[in-house]
Amino acid sequence: MSTWSSTRASRVLAALLRTGWSVKRQTGSHRVLSREGWPDFVFAFHDGEELGPRMLARIGRRTGLRPENL
């Protein structure tokens, strides 16, 4: 069973910004996030979109985000 639960994209983006990521540039709903020591990450979700456990786990692997950060 996954430790991630579904949540809105706006909540995930807010958690990423709190954990040290910053928006490098934005075109529409595509935001390129950057953080020292990590490769850039493209966050391409609309704010109201629901993200499931699988997508959250994938985002977590690429950004270091953990369920307790949400």
N, C-alpha and C. Protein backbone atom coordinates (compact mmCIF):
# COMPACT_ATOMS: atom_id res chain seq x y z
N MET A 1 0.84 -1.19 0.00
CA MET A 1 0.00 0.00 0.00
C MET A 1 0.88 1.25 0.00
N SER A 2 0.48 2.23 -0.75
CA SER A 2 1.24 3.47 -0.88
C SER A 2 1.03 4.37 0.34
N THR A 3 2.07 5.09 0.70
CA THR A 3 1.95 6.05 1.79
C THR A 3 1.43 7.39 1.30
N TRP A 4 1.32 7.53 -0.01
CA TRP A 4 0.80 8.76 -0.61
C TRP A 4 -0.71 8.67 -0.74
N SER A 5 -1.39 9.77 -0.54
CA SER A 5 -2.83 9.83 -0.80
C SER A 5 -3.07 10.93 -1.83
N SER A 6 -4.14 10.80 -2.59
CA SER A 6 -4.45 11.78 -3.64
C SER A 6 -4.58 13.18 -3.06
N THR A 7 -4.13 14.15 -3.82
CA THR A 7 -4.23 15.54 -3.39
C THR A 7 -4.20 16.45 -4.62
N ARG A 8 -4.52 17.70 -4.43
CA ARG A 8 -4.56 18.68 -5.51
C ARG A 8 -3.15 19.13 -5.89
N ALA A 9 -2.99 19.48 -7.15
CA ALA A 9 -1.69 19.93 -7.65
C ALA A 9 -1.23 21.21 -6.96
N SER A 10 -2.15 22.09 -6.62
CA SER A 10 -1.76 23.34 -5.95
C SER A 10 -1.12 23.07 -4.59
N ARG A 11 -1.60 22.04 -3.90
CA ARG A 11 -1.03 21.68 -2.60
C ARG A 11 0.37 21.10 -2.77
N VAL A 12 0.57 20.31 -3.80
CA VAL A 12 1.88 19.73 -4.08
C VAL A 12 2.88 20.83 -4.44
N LEU A 13 2.46 21.76 -5.29
CA LEU A 13 3.34 22.87 -5.66
C LEU A 13 3.72 23.70 -4.44
N ALA A 14 2.77 23.98 -3.56
CA ALA A 14 3.05 24.74 -2.34
C ALA A 14 4.07 24.00 -1.47
N ALA A 15 3.94 22.68 -1.38
CA ALA A 15 4.88 21.88 -0.59
C ALA A 15 6.28 21.92 -1.21
N LEU A 16 6.36 21.86 -2.53
CA LEU A 16 7.66 21.94 -3.20
C LEU A 16 8.32 23.29 -2.94
N LEU A 17 7.55 24.36 -3.00
CA LEU A 17 8.09 25.69 -2.75
C LEU A 17 8.56 25.83 -1.31
N ARG A 18 7.84 25.23 -0.37
CA ARG A 18 8.25 25.26 1.05
C ARG A 18 9.53 24.49 1.28
N THR A 19 9.78 23.44 0.50
CA THR A 19 10.96 22.60 0.72
C THR A 19 12.18 23.07 -0.06
N GLY A 20 12.14 24.26 -0.62
CA GLY A 20 13.33 24.82 -1.23
C GLY A 20 13.33 24.95 -2.74
N TRP A 21 12.30 24.46 -3.40
CA TRP A 21 12.21 24.61 -4.86
C TRP A 21 11.71 26.01 -5.18
N SER A 22 12.12 26.54 -6.32
CA SER A 22 11.63 27.84 -6.77
C SER A 22 11.26 27.75 -8.24
N VAL A 23 10.33 28.60 -8.66
CA VAL A 23 9.89 28.61 -10.06
C VAL A 23 10.93 29.37 -10.87
N LYS A 24 11.56 28.66 -11.80
CA LYS A 24 12.58 29.25 -12.65
C LYS A 24 11.93 30.00 -13.81
N ARG A 25 10.92 29.38 -14.42
CA ARG A 25 10.15 30.03 -15.48
C ARG A 25 8.83 29.29 -15.63
N GLN A 26 7.88 29.95 -16.28
CA GLN A 26 6.55 29.37 -16.45
C GLN A 26 6.00 29.74 -17.82
N THR A 27 5.39 28.74 -18.47
CA THR A 27 4.67 28.94 -19.73
C THR A 27 3.35 28.21 -19.59
N GLY A 28 2.27 28.95 -19.41
CA GLY A 28 0.97 28.33 -19.18
C GLY A 28 0.99 27.58 -17.86
N SER A 29 0.59 26.30 -17.90
CA SER A 29 0.57 25.51 -16.67
C SER A 29 1.89 24.77 -16.46
N HIS A 30 2.85 24.92 -17.37
CA HIS A 30 4.15 24.26 -17.23
C HIS A 30 5.09 25.18 -16.44
N ARG A 31 5.48 24.70 -15.27
CA ARG A 31 6.43 25.45 -14.45
C ARG A 31 7.72 24.66 -14.37
N VAL A 32 8.85 25.31 -14.60
CA VAL A 32 10.15 24.68 -14.45
C VAL A 32 10.66 25.10 -13.08
N LEU A 33 10.83 24.10 -12.21
CA LEU A 33 11.28 24.35 -10.84
C LEU A 33 12.76 24.03 -10.73
N SER A 34 13.46 24.79 -9.91
CA SER A 34 14.88 24.53 -9.71
C SER A 34 15.20 24.55 -8.22
N ARG A 35 16.23 23.79 -7.88
CA ARG A 35 16.70 23.72 -6.50
C ARG A 35 18.18 23.35 -6.54
N GLU A 36 18.95 23.96 -5.71
CA GLU A 36 20.39 23.71 -5.65
C GLU A 36 20.65 22.22 -5.39
N GLY A 37 21.50 21.63 -6.23
CA GLY A 37 21.88 20.23 -6.06
C GLY A 37 20.94 19.22 -6.71
N TRP A 38 19.88 19.69 -7.36
CA TRP A 38 18.91 18.83 -8.03
C TRP A 38 18.76 19.25 -9.47
N PRO A 39 18.47 18.29 -10.38
CA PRO A 39 18.17 18.71 -11.76
C PRO A 39 16.83 19.43 -11.80
N ASP A 40 16.65 20.32 -12.78
CA ASP A 40 15.38 21.03 -12.94
C ASP A 40 14.23 20.03 -13.08
N PHE A 41 13.06 20.43 -12.59
CA PHE A 41 11.89 19.57 -12.62
C PHE A 41 10.74 20.33 -13.27
N VAL A 42 10.08 19.73 -14.26
CA VAL A 42 8.95 20.37 -14.93
C VAL A 42 7.67 19.93 -14.23
N PHE A 43 6.97 20.88 -13.64
CA PHE A 43 5.69 20.63 -12.96
C PHE A 43 4.61 21.10 -13.92
N ALA A 44 3.92 20.16 -14.58
CA ALA A 44 3.00 20.49 -15.66
C ALA A 44 1.57 20.11 -15.33
N PHE A 45 1.04 20.66 -14.24
CA PHE A 45 -0.31 20.34 -13.81
C PHE A 45 -1.08 21.63 -13.54
N HIS A 46 -2.38 21.61 -13.82
CA HIS A 46 -3.24 22.73 -13.46
C HIS A 46 -3.48 22.67 -11.95
N ASP A 47 -3.65 23.84 -11.33
CA ASP A 47 -3.75 23.91 -9.87
C ASP A 47 -4.86 23.04 -9.29
N GLY A 48 -6.01 22.95 -9.94
CA GLY A 48 -7.13 22.20 -9.39
C GLY A 48 -7.10 20.72 -9.72
N GLU A 49 -6.12 20.28 -10.48
CA GLU A 49 -6.03 18.89 -10.90
C GLU A 49 -5.71 17.97 -9.72
N GLU A 50 -6.36 16.83 -9.69
CA GLU A 50 -6.14 15.83 -8.63
C GLU A 50 -4.99 14.92 -9.04
N LEU A 51 -3.99 14.77 -8.18
CA LEU A 51 -2.85 13.89 -8.44
C LEU A 51 -2.97 12.65 -7.57
N GLY A 52 -2.84 11.49 -8.19
CA GLY A 52 -2.97 10.22 -7.48
C GLY A 52 -1.68 9.77 -6.83
N PRO A 53 -1.76 8.69 -6.06
CA PRO A 53 -0.58 8.19 -5.34
C PRO A 53 0.60 7.85 -6.23
N ARG A 54 0.33 7.28 -7.40
CA ARG A 54 1.43 6.90 -8.30
C ARG A 54 2.19 8.11 -8.81
N MET A 55 1.46 9.15 -9.22
CA MET A 55 2.10 10.37 -9.71
C MET A 55 2.84 11.07 -8.58
N LEU A 56 2.27 11.08 -7.39
CA LEU A 56 2.93 11.71 -6.25
C LEU A 56 4.23 10.99 -5.89
N ALA A 57 4.22 9.66 -5.96
CA ALA A 57 5.44 8.89 -5.70
C ALA A 57 6.51 9.22 -6.74
N ARG A 58 6.10 9.37 -7.99
CA ARG A 58 7.05 9.71 -9.06
C ARG A 58 7.63 11.11 -8.83
N ILE A 59 6.77 12.06 -8.46
CA ILE A 59 7.25 13.42 -8.16
C ILE A 59 8.20 13.38 -6.97
N GLY A 60 7.86 12.58 -5.96
CA GLY A 60 8.71 12.45 -4.78
C GLY A 60 10.10 11.93 -5.10
N ARG A 61 10.18 10.94 -5.99
CA ARG A 61 11.48 10.39 -6.38
C ARG A 61 12.34 11.44 -7.08
N ARG A 62 11.73 12.29 -7.87
CA ARG A 62 12.50 13.28 -8.65
C ARG A 62 12.80 14.56 -7.90
N THR A 63 12.05 14.83 -6.82
CA THR A 63 12.21 16.11 -6.12
C THR A 63 12.60 15.97 -4.65
N GLY A 64 12.51 14.77 -4.10
CA GLY A 64 12.79 14.59 -2.68
C GLY A 64 11.60 14.89 -1.79
N LEU A 65 10.44 15.14 -2.39
CA LEU A 65 9.23 15.43 -1.62
C LEU A 65 8.77 14.16 -0.90
N ARG A 66 8.31 14.31 0.32
CA ARG A 66 7.86 13.17 1.12
C ARG A 66 6.40 13.41 1.55
N PRO A 67 5.67 12.35 1.84
CA PRO A 67 4.25 12.51 2.23
C PRO A 67 4.06 13.46 3.41
N GLU A 68 4.97 13.48 4.36
CA GLU A 68 4.81 14.37 5.52
C GLU A 68 5.02 15.84 5.17
N ASN A 69 5.62 16.13 3.99
CA ASN A 69 5.77 17.53 3.54
C ASN A 69 4.46 18.15 3.09
N LEU A 70 3.50 17.30 2.71
CA LEU A 70 2.21 17.81 2.25
C LEU A 70 1.43 18.27 3.44
